[in-house]
Protein backbone atom coordinates (compact mmCIF):
# COMPACT_ATOMS: atom_id res chain seq x y z
CA MET A 1 77.39 85.24 112.54
CA LYS A 2 77.99 85.04 116.30
CA LYS A 3 80.58 87.78 116.04
CA ASN A 4 78.10 90.08 114.26
CA VAL A 5 75.46 89.45 116.93
CA ILE A 6 77.93 90.35 119.69
CA LEU A 7 78.92 93.53 117.83
CA LEU A 8 75.28 94.49 117.34
CA ALA A 9 74.55 93.93 121.02
CA PHE A 10 77.56 96.08 121.95
CA LEU A 11 76.37 98.94 119.76
CA LEU A 12 72.86 98.72 121.13
CA CYS A 13 74.24 98.97 124.66
CA ILE A 14 76.20 102.06 123.71
CA LEU A 15 73.17 103.68 122.13
CA ALA A 16 71.06 102.85 125.15
CA LEU A 17 73.66 104.37 127.44
CA TRP A 18 73.77 107.59 125.44
CA GLY A 19 70.15 107.52 124.34
CA GLN A 20 69.14 110.81 125.92
CA ASN A 21 72.18 112.42 124.28
CA THR A 22 71.70 111.09 120.74
CA LEU A 23 72.59 113.74 118.19
CA SER A 24 70.64 111.98 115.44
CA GLU A 25 67.51 113.15 117.26
CA TYR A 26 68.43 116.80 116.75
CA SER A 27 66.19 118.56 114.24
CA PHE A 28 67.84 120.07 111.15
CA SER A 29 66.92 123.19 109.19
CA TYR A 30 68.31 124.92 106.12
CA SER A 31 67.98 128.58 105.27
CA VAL A 32 69.72 131.33 103.32
CA ASN A 33 70.35 134.65 105.07
CA PRO A 34 72.87 137.47 104.67
CA TYR A 35 76.35 136.34 105.73
CA ILE A 36 77.85 138.87 108.15
CA GLU A 37 81.62 138.58 108.33
CA ILE A 38 83.06 139.26 111.78
CA THR A 39 86.03 141.62 112.03
CA GLU A 40 86.22 141.90 115.83
CA GLY A 41 87.11 139.44 118.55
CA THR A 42 90.33 137.44 118.92
CA LEU A 43 92.47 136.74 115.88
CA LEU A 44 93.94 133.23 115.91
CA GLY A 45 96.93 131.97 113.97
CA ASN A 46 98.35 133.73 110.92
CA GLU A 47 98.69 133.37 107.17
CA SER A 48 101.00 130.35 107.64
CA THR A 49 98.69 128.38 109.94
CA ASP A 50 98.53 124.67 109.11
CA ASP A 51 97.04 122.01 111.46
CA GLN A 52 97.43 124.16 114.61
CA PHE A 53 95.23 123.75 117.68
CA PHE A 54 94.02 126.79 119.60
CA VAL A 55 93.33 125.65 123.14
CA ASN A 56 94.61 128.55 125.31
CA PRO A 57 93.74 132.28 125.06
CA SER A 58 97.31 133.00 126.19
CA ASN A 59 98.60 131.48 122.95
CA PRO A 60 96.54 132.90 120.04
CA ALA A 61 99.24 131.76 117.60
CA GLY A 62 98.24 128.17 118.34
CA GLY A 63 100.39 125.05 118.45
CA TYR A 64 100.22 121.27 118.40
CA THR A 65 99.12 120.73 121.99
CA THR A 66 95.62 119.24 122.05
CA ILE A 67 94.79 119.92 125.73
CA GLY A 68 94.20 123.27 127.38
CA ALA A 69 91.96 125.59 129.36
CA GLY A 70 89.99 126.61 126.27
CA PHE A 71 88.29 129.81 125.16
CA PRO A 72 85.12 130.87 127.04
CA ILE A 73 81.83 130.38 125.22
CA GLY A 74 80.29 133.13 127.33
CA PHE A 75 77.32 131.05 128.49
CA ASP A 76 76.49 127.46 129.39
CA PHE A 77 75.83 125.61 126.14
CA LEU A 78 73.80 122.40 126.31
CA PHE A 79 74.98 119.86 123.76
CA ALA A 80 74.14 116.16 123.65
CA GLY A 81 72.85 116.27 127.23
CA HIS A 82 75.92 117.97 128.76
CA SER A 83 76.62 121.60 129.64
CA PHE A 84 79.78 123.05 128.08
CA ASP A 85 81.36 126.48 128.64
CA LYS A 86 84.67 126.32 126.71
CA VAL A 87 85.80 125.69 123.15
CA GLY A 88 89.02 124.71 121.42
CA ILE A 89 89.62 125.25 117.72
CA ASN A 90 91.55 123.36 115.06
CA ALA A 91 92.63 125.05 111.84
CA ASN A 92 91.18 122.16 109.84
CA GLY A 93 87.64 123.55 110.02
CA TRP A 94 86.34 122.26 113.37
CA LEU A 95 86.01 123.05 117.05
CA ALA A 96 85.69 121.01 120.24
CA LEU A 97 83.53 121.74 123.27
CA GLY A 98 84.98 121.83 126.78
CA ASP A 99 84.06 122.01 130.44
CA SER A 100 85.85 124.38 132.83
CA SER A 101 85.26 121.96 135.71
CA PHE A 102 88.26 120.05 134.28
CA GLY A 103 90.43 123.12 134.91
CA SER A 104 93.50 123.36 132.68
CA ASN A 105 92.26 120.21 130.89
CA ALA A 106 88.89 121.74 129.99
CA ILE A 107 89.61 121.05 126.31
CA ASN A 108 90.88 117.74 124.98
CA MET A 109 91.04 117.62 121.17
CA SER A 110 92.88 114.30 120.96
CA SER A 111 91.94 112.71 117.65
CA GLN A 112 92.61 109.66 115.56
CA SER A 113 92.70 112.07 112.62
CA ILE A 114 92.52 115.87 112.84
CA HIS A 115 91.34 115.86 109.20
CA SER A 116 88.29 113.68 109.99
CA PRO A 117 87.01 115.15 113.27
CA LEU A 118 83.54 113.57 113.24
CA ALA A 119 84.71 110.08 112.35
CA SER A 120 87.68 110.11 114.73
CA GLN A 121 87.72 107.35 117.38
CA THR A 122 89.77 107.35 120.60
CA ASP A 123 89.85 104.24 122.78
CA ASP A 124 91.63 105.84 125.76
CA HIS A 125 90.12 109.33 125.90
CA PRO A 126 90.40 110.35 129.60
CA ASN A 127 87.17 112.42 129.63
CA GLU A 128 85.09 111.19 126.73
CA ILE A 129 82.47 113.91 127.23
CA LEU A 130 85.15 116.15 125.69
CA ILE A 131 84.97 114.29 122.37
CA ALA A 132 82.05 116.65 121.60
CA ARG A 133 82.89 118.61 118.46
CA ILE A 134 81.43 120.49 115.50
CA ALA A 135 82.82 120.58 111.96
CA GLY A 136 82.09 123.48 109.59
CA PHE A 137 84.12 121.89 106.80
CA GLY A 138 86.44 119.40 108.41
CA ARG A 139 89.33 118.24 106.24
CA ASP A 140 93.03 119.00 105.62
CA LEU A 141 92.99 122.82 105.43
CA GLN A 142 95.64 125.51 105.68
CA ALA A 143 95.89 129.28 105.60
CA GLN A 144 97.17 131.44 102.75
CA THR A 145 97.64 135.15 102.11
CA GLY A 146 94.56 136.91 103.45
CA SER A 147 93.46 134.01 105.66
CA SER A 148 92.32 134.32 109.26
CA ILE A 149 90.47 132.57 112.06
CA ARG A 150 88.49 134.69 114.52
CA ILE A 151 86.48 133.97 117.63
CA THR A 152 84.03 136.39 119.20
CA GLN A 153 80.97 136.58 121.45
CA GLN A 154 77.94 138.63 120.45
CA GLY A 155 74.58 139.62 121.95
CA ALA A 156 73.17 139.76 125.46
CA ALA A 157 71.50 137.06 127.58
CA PRO A 158 69.45 135.13 126.71
CA ASP A 159 70.35 135.71 123.04
CA ARG A 160 74.12 135.40 123.10
CA GLU A 161 76.13 133.51 120.55
CA LEU A 162 79.70 132.41 120.06
CA ILE A 163 81.07 132.68 116.52
CA VAL A 164 84.22 131.04 115.17
CA GLN A 165 85.05 132.14 111.63
CA TRP A 166 87.39 130.72 108.99
CA LYS A 167 88.21 133.22 106.24
CA HIS A 168 89.90 132.47 102.90
CA TYR A 169 91.16 129.01 103.87
CA ARG A 170 92.14 126.37 101.33
CA ARG A 171 92.95 122.72 100.92
CA GLN A 172 96.52 121.71 101.69
CA GLY A 173 98.68 123.01 98.83
CA ALA A 174 95.76 124.23 96.66
CA THR A 175 96.09 127.63 94.98
CA GLU A 176 92.57 128.36 93.70
CA ASP A 177 90.53 127.69 96.85
CA SER A 178 88.78 130.18 99.12
CA TYR A 179 86.69 128.64 101.92
CA ASN A 180 84.70 131.03 104.14
CA PHE A 181 82.40 129.81 106.89
CA GLN A 182 81.37 130.27 110.53
CA VAL A 183 80.44 127.85 113.31
CA CYS A 184 77.95 129.48 115.69
CA LEU A 185 76.73 128.35 119.11
CA LYS A 186 73.43 130.04 119.98
CA GLU A 187 72.21 130.43 123.56
CA GLN A 188 68.59 130.72 122.45
CA GLY A 189 67.42 127.18 121.77
CA MET A 190 70.96 125.81 122.23
CA LYS A 191 71.30 125.69 118.45
CA VAL A 192 74.38 124.92 116.39
CA CYS A 193 74.49 126.81 113.10
CA ILE A 194 77.10 126.63 110.35
CA ARG A 195 76.99 129.56 107.93
CA TYR A 196 78.69 129.66 104.55
CA GLN A 197 79.88 132.51 102.39
CA LEU A 198 82.09 131.98 99.35
CA MET A 199 83.17 128.32 99.08
CA GLN A 200 85.31 128.35 95.96
CA THR A 201 87.30 125.22 95.13
CA GLY A 202 89.80 124.64 92.37
CA ASN A 203 89.11 120.89 92.23
CA PRO A 204 86.28 118.69 93.54
CA CYS A 205 86.75 117.71 97.18
CA THR A 206 84.85 116.61 100.27
CA GLY A 207 84.75 117.55 103.94
CA GLU A 208 82.88 116.65 107.11
CA ILE A 209 79.99 118.87 108.20
CA GLY A 210 78.02 118.30 111.40
CA LEU A 211 78.08 117.29 115.05
CA ARG A 212 79.73 114.54 117.09
CA ALA A 213 79.51 113.57 120.78
CA ALA A 214 80.42 110.75 123.19
CA PRO A 215 81.16 107.88 123.23
CA ALA A 216 84.74 108.44 122.11
CA ALA A 217 85.74 104.91 121.22
CA THR A 218 83.22 104.51 118.42
CA ALA A 219 81.71 107.17 116.15
CA VAL A 220 78.05 106.25 116.57
CA ASN A 221 76.70 109.49 118.08
CA PHE A 222 76.66 112.02 115.25
CA ALA A 223 74.45 114.26 113.13
CA ASN A 224 76.00 115.27 109.83
CA ARG A 225 75.04 116.21 106.27
CA THR A 226 75.99 114.90 102.87
CA THR A 227 75.71 117.24 99.89
CA LEU A 228 76.18 114.86 96.98
CA GLY A 229 72.71 115.90 95.77
CA GLY A 230 73.27 119.62 96.33
CA TRP A 231 73.76 121.86 99.35
CA ALA A 232 70.19 123.15 99.35
CA ASN A 233 68.96 119.55 99.40
CA SER A 234 71.48 118.01 101.77
CA GLN A 235 70.70 114.67 103.40
CA PRO A 236 71.63 113.21 106.80
CA GLY A 237 74.78 111.10 106.67
CA THR A 238 74.60 107.38 107.24
CA SER A 239 78.02 107.28 108.92
CA ALA A 240 80.19 109.79 110.74
CA ASN A 241 82.42 110.22 107.68
CA SER A 242 79.62 110.65 105.12
CA PRO A 243 81.02 113.28 102.73
CA ALA A 244 79.88 116.80 102.03
CA ALA A 245 80.84 117.30 98.39
CA LEU A 246 82.19 120.62 97.09
CA THR A 247 82.78 121.28 93.38
CA SER A 248 82.77 124.24 91.03
CA THR A 249 79.07 123.58 90.37
CA ASN A 250 77.97 122.09 93.70
CA TYR A 251 78.55 124.65 96.45
CA PRO A 252 76.49 126.48 99.09
CA ALA A 253 74.65 129.68 98.32
CA ASN A 254 76.16 132.80 99.85
CA GLY A 255 74.55 132.92 103.31
CA ALA A 256 73.48 129.26 103.37
CA SER A 257 72.96 128.10 106.94
CA PHE A 258 72.84 124.55 108.34
CA CYS A 259 71.28 124.51 111.84
CA TRP A 260 70.73 121.74 114.38
CA SER A 261 68.42 122.04 117.39
CA PRO A 262 67.92 119.58 120.26
CA VAL A 263 64.60 117.71 120.28
CA LEU A 264 63.64 117.39 123.91
CA GLU A 265 61.70 114.87 125.94
CA ALA A 266 58.26 115.81 127.27
CA GLY A 267 59.70 117.55 130.34
CA GLY A 268 62.03 119.77 128.33
CA GLN A 269 65.51 120.72 129.51
CA ALA A 270 66.03 122.94 132.54
CA ASN A 271 68.91 125.39 132.22
CA PHE A 272 69.88 128.72 133.72
CA THR A 273 72.64 131.24 134.11
CA ALA A 274 73.59 133.96 136.61
CA ASN A 275 74.99 137.43 136.01
CA ILE A 276 77.70 136.80 138.64
CA THR A 277 78.78 133.65 140.45
CA SER A 278 81.14 135.03 143.10
CA GLY A 279 81.53 138.07 145.31
CA ALA A 280 81.38 139.39 148.84
CA ALA A 281 78.35 139.13 151.12
CA PRO A 282 75.70 140.35 150.80
CA LEU A 283 75.79 139.15 147.18
CA THR A 284 72.78 139.89 144.99
CA VAL A 285 72.53 137.62 141.94
CA GLN A 286 70.20 137.89 138.95
CA PHE A 287 69.28 134.42 137.70
CA THR A 288 68.02 133.96 134.14
CA ASP A 289 65.99 130.95 133.05
CA LEU A 290 67.32 129.47 129.81
CA SER A 291 65.21 126.31 129.87
CA LEU A 292 63.91 124.69 126.72
CA ALA A 293 60.28 123.55 126.66
CA GLY A 294 59.45 119.96 125.82
CA THR A 295 56.21 118.76 124.27
CA ASN A 296 54.20 121.40 126.16
CA PRO A 297 54.99 124.95 127.31
CA ILE A 298 56.71 125.44 130.66
CA SER A 299 54.09 126.38 133.26
CA SER A 300 56.11 126.63 136.48
CA TRP A 301 59.60 127.18 137.81
CA LEU A 302 60.99 126.11 141.17
CA TRP A 303 64.39 127.44 142.22
CA ASP A 304 66.37 126.23 145.22
CA PHE A 305 69.23 128.41 146.45
CA GLY A 306 70.36 126.12 149.26
CA GLY A 307 67.26 126.00 151.45
CA HIS A 308 65.46 129.07 150.10
CA THR A 309 63.19 128.79 147.08
CA SER A 310 61.54 130.95 144.44
CA SER A 311 58.82 130.32 141.86
CA GLN A 312 59.72 133.26 139.63
CA GLN A 313 61.05 132.61 136.15
CA HIS A 314 63.97 135.03 136.49
CA PRO A 315 64.50 135.58 140.23
CA LEU A 316 66.78 138.13 141.90
CA TYR A 317 68.21 136.58 145.05
CA CYS A 318 70.51 137.90 147.77
CA PHE A 319 73.01 135.58 149.50
CA ASN A 320 73.66 137.17 152.90
CA ASP A 321 76.19 134.76 154.37
CA PRO A 322 79.60 133.60 153.11
CA GLY A 323 79.79 130.07 151.70
CA LEU A 324 79.37 127.87 148.64
CA TYR A 325 75.80 127.53 147.37
CA THR A 326 74.37 124.82 145.13
CA VAL A 327 71.56 126.13 142.93
CA SER A 328 68.92 124.05 141.17
CA LEU A 329 66.01 124.81 138.88
CA THR A 330 63.07 122.51 138.18
CA ILE A 331 60.73 123.31 135.32
CA SER A 332 57.34 121.68 134.85
CA ASP A 333 54.51 121.73 132.34
CA ALA A 334 50.78 121.57 132.99
CA LEU A 335 50.80 117.76 132.74
CA GLY A 336 53.44 117.34 135.44
CA ASN A 337 56.37 116.58 133.14
CA SER A 338 59.52 118.11 134.59
CA SER A 339 63.26 118.58 134.23
CA THR A 340 65.86 119.67 136.80
CA GLN A 341 69.23 121.33 136.37
CA THR A 342 71.54 121.42 139.41
CA ARG A 343 74.84 123.29 139.57
CA GLN A 344 76.98 122.20 142.51
CA ASN A 345 78.75 124.98 144.45
CA TYR A 346 77.63 127.41 141.75
CA ILE A 347 77.68 130.58 143.87
CA GLU A 348 80.70 131.47 146.00
CA VAL A 349 80.12 134.16 148.61
CA SER A 350 83.13 135.58 150.45
CA PRO A 351 83.08 137.56 153.71
CA SER A 352 81.72 141.09 153.49
CA ILE A 353 83.84 143.72 151.84
CA VAL A 354 82.81 147.31 152.40
CA PRO A 355 81.90 148.92 149.05
CA GLY A 356 84.67 151.25 147.92
CA LEU A 357 86.82 150.44 150.95
CA ASN A 358 89.38 147.74 151.66
CA THR A 359 88.23 145.65 154.63
CA TYR A 360 86.19 142.52 155.25
CA ILE A 361 83.75 142.11 158.13
CA GLN A 362 82.75 138.82 159.73
CA MET A 363 80.60 138.78 162.87
CA GLN A 364 81.31 136.52 165.84
CA GLY A 365 78.43 137.23 168.18
CA ASN A 366 78.65 140.94 169.07
CA ASP A 367 82.29 141.15 167.98
CA ALA A 368 83.26 142.28 164.51
CA VAL A 369 86.36 140.59 163.11
CA ILE A 370 87.89 143.03 160.64
CA SER A 371 90.35 141.68 158.08
CA TRP A 372 92.07 143.00 154.99
CA ASP A 373 94.39 141.95 152.23
CA PRO A 374 98.12 142.61 152.87
CA ILE A 375 99.38 146.07 151.90
CA ASN A 376 103.10 145.71 151.34
CA VAL A 377 104.06 149.38 150.98
CA ASP A 378 102.76 152.64 152.45
CA GLU A 379 101.76 155.64 150.35
CA ASN A 380 105.45 156.61 150.00
CA GLY A 381 106.58 153.16 148.86
CA PHE A 382 108.12 152.01 152.17
CA THR A 383 107.43 148.80 154.08
CA PRO A 384 104.79 149.64 156.74
CA GLN A 385 105.25 149.41 160.51
CA TYR A 386 101.55 149.54 161.32
CA TYR A 387 98.11 149.32 159.87
CA PHE A 388 95.88 152.18 161.11
CA LEU A 389 92.23 151.10 161.29
CA TYR A 390 89.40 153.66 161.03
CA PHE A 391 85.62 153.37 161.20
CA ASN A 392 82.64 155.72 161.02
CA GLY A 393 79.85 153.70 162.71
CA CYS A 394 77.58 154.32 159.72
CA SER A 395 76.28 152.40 156.76
CA THR A 396 77.58 154.92 154.25
CA ALA A 397 81.16 155.78 153.38
CA SER A 398 80.33 159.50 153.08
CA GLU A 399 80.32 160.00 156.87
CA GLN A 400 83.44 161.03 158.84
CA PHE A 401 85.88 158.27 159.83
CA TYR A 402 87.50 157.99 163.27
CA PHE A 403 90.76 156.35 164.28
CA LEU A 404 90.08 152.98 165.93
CA ALA A 405 93.39 151.22 166.53
CA PRO A 406 97.00 150.66 165.36
CA ILE A 407 97.73 147.06 164.32
CA PRO A 408 101.38 145.95 164.08
CA TYR A 409 102.42 145.04 160.55
CA PRO A 410 102.04 142.41 159.06
CA GLN A 411 98.97 141.38 161.11
CA THR A 412 95.84 141.66 158.93
CA THR A 413 93.01 141.15 161.43
CA TYR A 414 91.50 143.09 164.31
CA THR A 415 88.58 142.22 166.61
CA HIS A 416 86.29 145.16 167.34
CA ALA A 417 84.95 143.70 170.58
CA GLY A 418 81.39 144.28 171.77
CA VAL A 419 80.48 146.61 168.96
CA GLY A 420 77.16 144.84 168.29
CA LEU A 421 75.50 143.20 165.32
CA GLY A 422 75.14 146.54 163.55
CA ALA A 423 78.86 146.42 162.78
CA SER A 424 78.12 144.16 159.82
CA HIS A 425 76.85 147.29 158.03
CA MET A 426 79.51 149.75 159.28
CA MET A 427 82.27 151.27 157.21
CA TYR A 428 85.86 150.33 158.10
CA ARG A 429 89.04 151.47 156.37
CA VAL A 430 92.66 150.43 156.84
CA LYS A 431 95.83 152.35 155.91
CA ALA A 432 99.46 151.16 155.80
CA VAL A 433 101.71 153.49 157.84
CA ARG A 434 105.45 153.95 158.50
CA LEU A 435 106.44 156.43 161.24
CA ASP A 436 110.26 156.54 161.30
CA TYR A 437 111.15 158.61 158.25
């Protein structure tokens, strides 16, 4: 009895810790719509694929490494309270979410069982946020003649979606199966949708269908479906390995769609994206609000770009000076409920580069420090002796350029002394030159 009480207390602590990220609070919907097979995007694996992981775009054939840089989602996807921007895929009908802030370890698909992705438990997962995963029909699957896995991005902000598609897959060793389904991540509403086409099975079987998130050591944070009573009348699972049954008479309608949507607290969930996150000064960035409303509609937006603010929903902002900029967005409703999303060092602005030219300008008082990337050969393919620097004193590259100075190679800077603050808008051009041939 005492042991059970301790276990119960432990589980309650875990649920309290992850309460705001609880997948069981996601809302579920079922619908039937035309299934649109994707034929574009990146083709993964081949007709012999069996158990492979796909964690690096540089290796579309896949392998058995579970950690990698991942494939880009194409937008920031909020899932279980965390923002993800990468995915990894396993041939056994499931994908994992990743975070590029972990670099080459953005994806970690380590699993107790790759055939039971939702129920898998990992005591020593190094970044347990990365246990987040979605199963379209998770079980022991393999390819056959005519099989494929594809990944593609579709749409434009704020209605983009990532689609991962399994075509004509089967159970290990089966000869009469044809499983066809897609896992979709939708930017609008941060929805997860699993769409089914033909799901033909030679013998009755089960698989895992649904969502899973941290903690990693125990499978208590999940939202899945069991289809023992029919796919059109599926029920929420009572455990992470609750089965989705598939038989010759119990299968999804062509175009059946299982969708999960986050149910938000009163303040909603602030979220945003930018059309670019790096470039030379002055850098103009279009920000797009992707926030989800809570109990009430969003009534105000407050952006902070590192000391400068905006109250527009989708502001256009210009960063004039080089540096790293943290951007935050706070949304509020009419009752004062609010949510804030902050992205540290989100915008990286480098020193000015003249449009269409090849120099950078950084002002030091009235002096313009001109710099450029190394040019290792001149126009004839020889190692240069000098860089010749030209300028036109104008803010447009269409005006005539004048010779300013020779700079011995390989020096890549020159100080245009006393030229004045207007130099930050002048046009400079550098050319690699060799004189002794």
